[in-house]
C-alpha atoms as a PDB file:
ATOM      1  CA  MET A   1      24.516 234.256  64.977  1.00  0.00           C
ATOM      2  CA  ALA A   2      23.435 237.263  62.957  1.00  0.00           C
ATOM      3  CA  GLN A   3      21.321 238.378  65.914  1.00  0.00           C
ATOM      4  CA  PHE A   4      24.376 238.475  68.207  1.00  0.00           C
ATOM      5  CA  THR A   5      26.623 240.212  65.693  1.00  0.00           C
ATOM      6  CA  ALA A   6      24.012 242.676  64.400  1.00  0.00           C
ATOM      7  CA  GLY A   7      24.388 241.242  60.901  1.00  0.00           C
ATOM      8  CA  ASP A   8      28.162 241.737  60.735  1.00  0.00           C
ATOM      9  CA  ASP A   9      30.675 239.139  59.636  1.00  0.00           C
ATOM     10  CA  THR A  10      30.953 236.243  62.112  1.00  0.00           C
ATOM     11  CA  LEU A  11      34.270 234.880  60.843  1.00  0.00           C
ATOM     12  CA  ALA A  12      36.306 236.059  63.862  1.00  0.00           C
ATOM     13  CA  LEU A  13      33.718 234.704  66.283  1.00  0.00           C
ATOM     14  CA  GLU A  14      33.613 231.343  64.518  1.00  0.00           C
ATOM     15  CA  GLY A  15      37.418 231.201  64.451  1.00  0.00           C
ATOM     16  CA  ALA A  16      37.622 231.874  68.174  1.00  0.00           C
ATOM     17  CA  GLY A  17      35.088 229.116  68.812  1.00  0.00           C
ATOM     18  CA  ALA A  18      37.091 226.675  66.701  1.00  0.00           C
ATOM     19  CA  VAL A  19      40.332 227.501  68.535  1.00  0.00           C
ATOM     20  CA  ARG A  20      38.622 227.077  71.902  1.00  0.00           C
ATOM     21  CA  SER A  21      37.163 223.741  70.850  1.00  0.00           C
ATOM     22  CA  ALA A  22      40.558 222.513  69.605  1.00  0.00           C
ATOM     23  CA  PHE A  23      42.215 223.616  72.859  1.00  0.00           C
ATOM     24  CA  HIS A  24      39.737 221.627  74.938  1.00  0.00           C
ATOM     25  CA  ALA A  25      40.144 218.546  72.734  1.00  0.00           C
ATOM     26  CA  ILE A  26      43.936 218.676  73.116  1.00  0.00           C
ATOM     27  CA  GLU A  27      43.634 219.117  76.882  1.00  0.00           C
ATOM     28  CA  ARG A  28      41.394 216.030  77.089  1.00  0.00           C
ATOM     29  CA  LEU A  29      43.926 214.009  75.072  1.00  0.00           C
ATOM     30  CA  ARG A  30      46.785 215.163  77.305  1.00  0.00           C
ATOM     31  CA  ALA A  31      44.831 214.301  80.437  1.00  0.00           C
ATOM     32  CA  ARG A  32      43.955 210.885  79.042  1.00  0.00           C
ATOM     33  CA  GLY A  33      47.605 210.257  78.121  1.00  0.00           C
ATOM     34  CA  ALA A  34      48.742 210.965  81.690  1.00  0.00           C
ATOM     35  CA  GLU A  35      45.928 208.951  83.258  1.00  0.00           C
ATOM     36  CA  GLY A  36      47.080 206.008  85.354  1.00  0.00           C
ATOM     37  CA  ARG A  37      50.740 206.935  85.000  1.00  0.00           C
ATOM     38  CA  GLY A  38      50.960 209.332  87.923  1.00  0.00           C
ATOM     39  CA  LEU A  39      51.780 212.236  85.599  1.00  0.00           C
ATOM     40  CA  SER A  40      50.153 215.618  85.521  1.00  0.00           C
ATOM     41  CA  ALA A  41      49.268 217.160  82.167  1.00  0.00           C
ATOM     42  CA  GLY A  42      52.187 219.576  82.664  1.00  0.00           C
ATOM     43  CA  ALA A  43      54.657 216.757  83.286  1.00  0.00           C
ATOM     44  CA  LEU A  44      53.401 214.930  80.192  1.00  0.00           C
ATOM     45  CA  ASP A  45      53.809 218.134  78.174  1.00  0.00           C
ATOM     46  CA  LEU A  46      57.391 218.480  79.417  1.00  0.00           C
ATOM     47  CA  LEU A  47      58.199 214.873  78.458  1.00  0.00           C
ATOM     48  CA  ILE A  48      56.775 215.443  74.987  1.00  0.00           C
ATOM     49  CA  ARG A  49      58.879 218.585  74.583  1.00  0.00           C
ATOM     50  CA  LEU A  50      62.004 216.766  75.810  1.00  0.00           C
ATOM     51  CA  SER A  51      61.444 213.959  73.308  1.00  0.00           C
ATOM     52  CA  VAL A  52      61.975 216.309  70.350  1.00  0.00           C
ATOM     53  CA  ILE A  53      65.202 217.916  71.567  1.00  0.00           C
ATOM     54  CA  PRO A  54      68.209 217.095  69.378  1.00  0.00           C
ATOM     55  CA  ASP A  55      70.737 214.569  70.700  1.00  0.00           C
ATOM     56  CA  GLY A  56      73.210 217.343  71.493  1.00  0.00           C
ATOM     57  CA  GLY A  57      70.739 218.836  73.956  1.00  0.00           C
ATOM     58  CA  ILE A  58      70.010 222.488  74.562  1.00  0.00           C
ATOM     59  CA  SER A  59      71.243 224.983  77.119  1.00  0.00           C
ATOM     60  CA  ILE A  60      69.068 226.299  79.916  1.00  0.00           C
ATOM     61  CA  GLY A  61      69.036 229.664  78.139  1.00  0.00           C
ATOM     62  CA  GLN A  62      67.342 228.117  75.110  1.00  0.00           C
ATOM     63  CA  TRP A  63      64.373 226.765  77.125  1.00  0.00           C
ATOM     64  CA  PRO A  64      62.340 229.990  77.088  1.00  0.00           C
ATOM     65  CA  ARG A  65      62.525 230.116  73.294  1.00  0.00           C
ATOM     66  CA  ARG A  66      61.490 226.463  73.091  1.00  0.00           C
ATOM     67  CA  LEU A  67      58.468 227.052  75.307  1.00  0.00           C
ATOM     68  CA  GLU A  68      56.972 229.734  73.064  1.00  0.00           C
END
């Protein structure tokens, strides 16, 4: 690692690698959860998001804030 960073701190590089690894692990879990159910990973994500909405619901205008 020191060779690639010219001896500088590698904390940011290691952090980026950890985030990338976590992203891929979550994507594999989502794909496995949708497997055999005829759902895409996006549809499964939407169902998960809908499951945490309060009983009163939300308006269509609140969706963009929820998706952040």
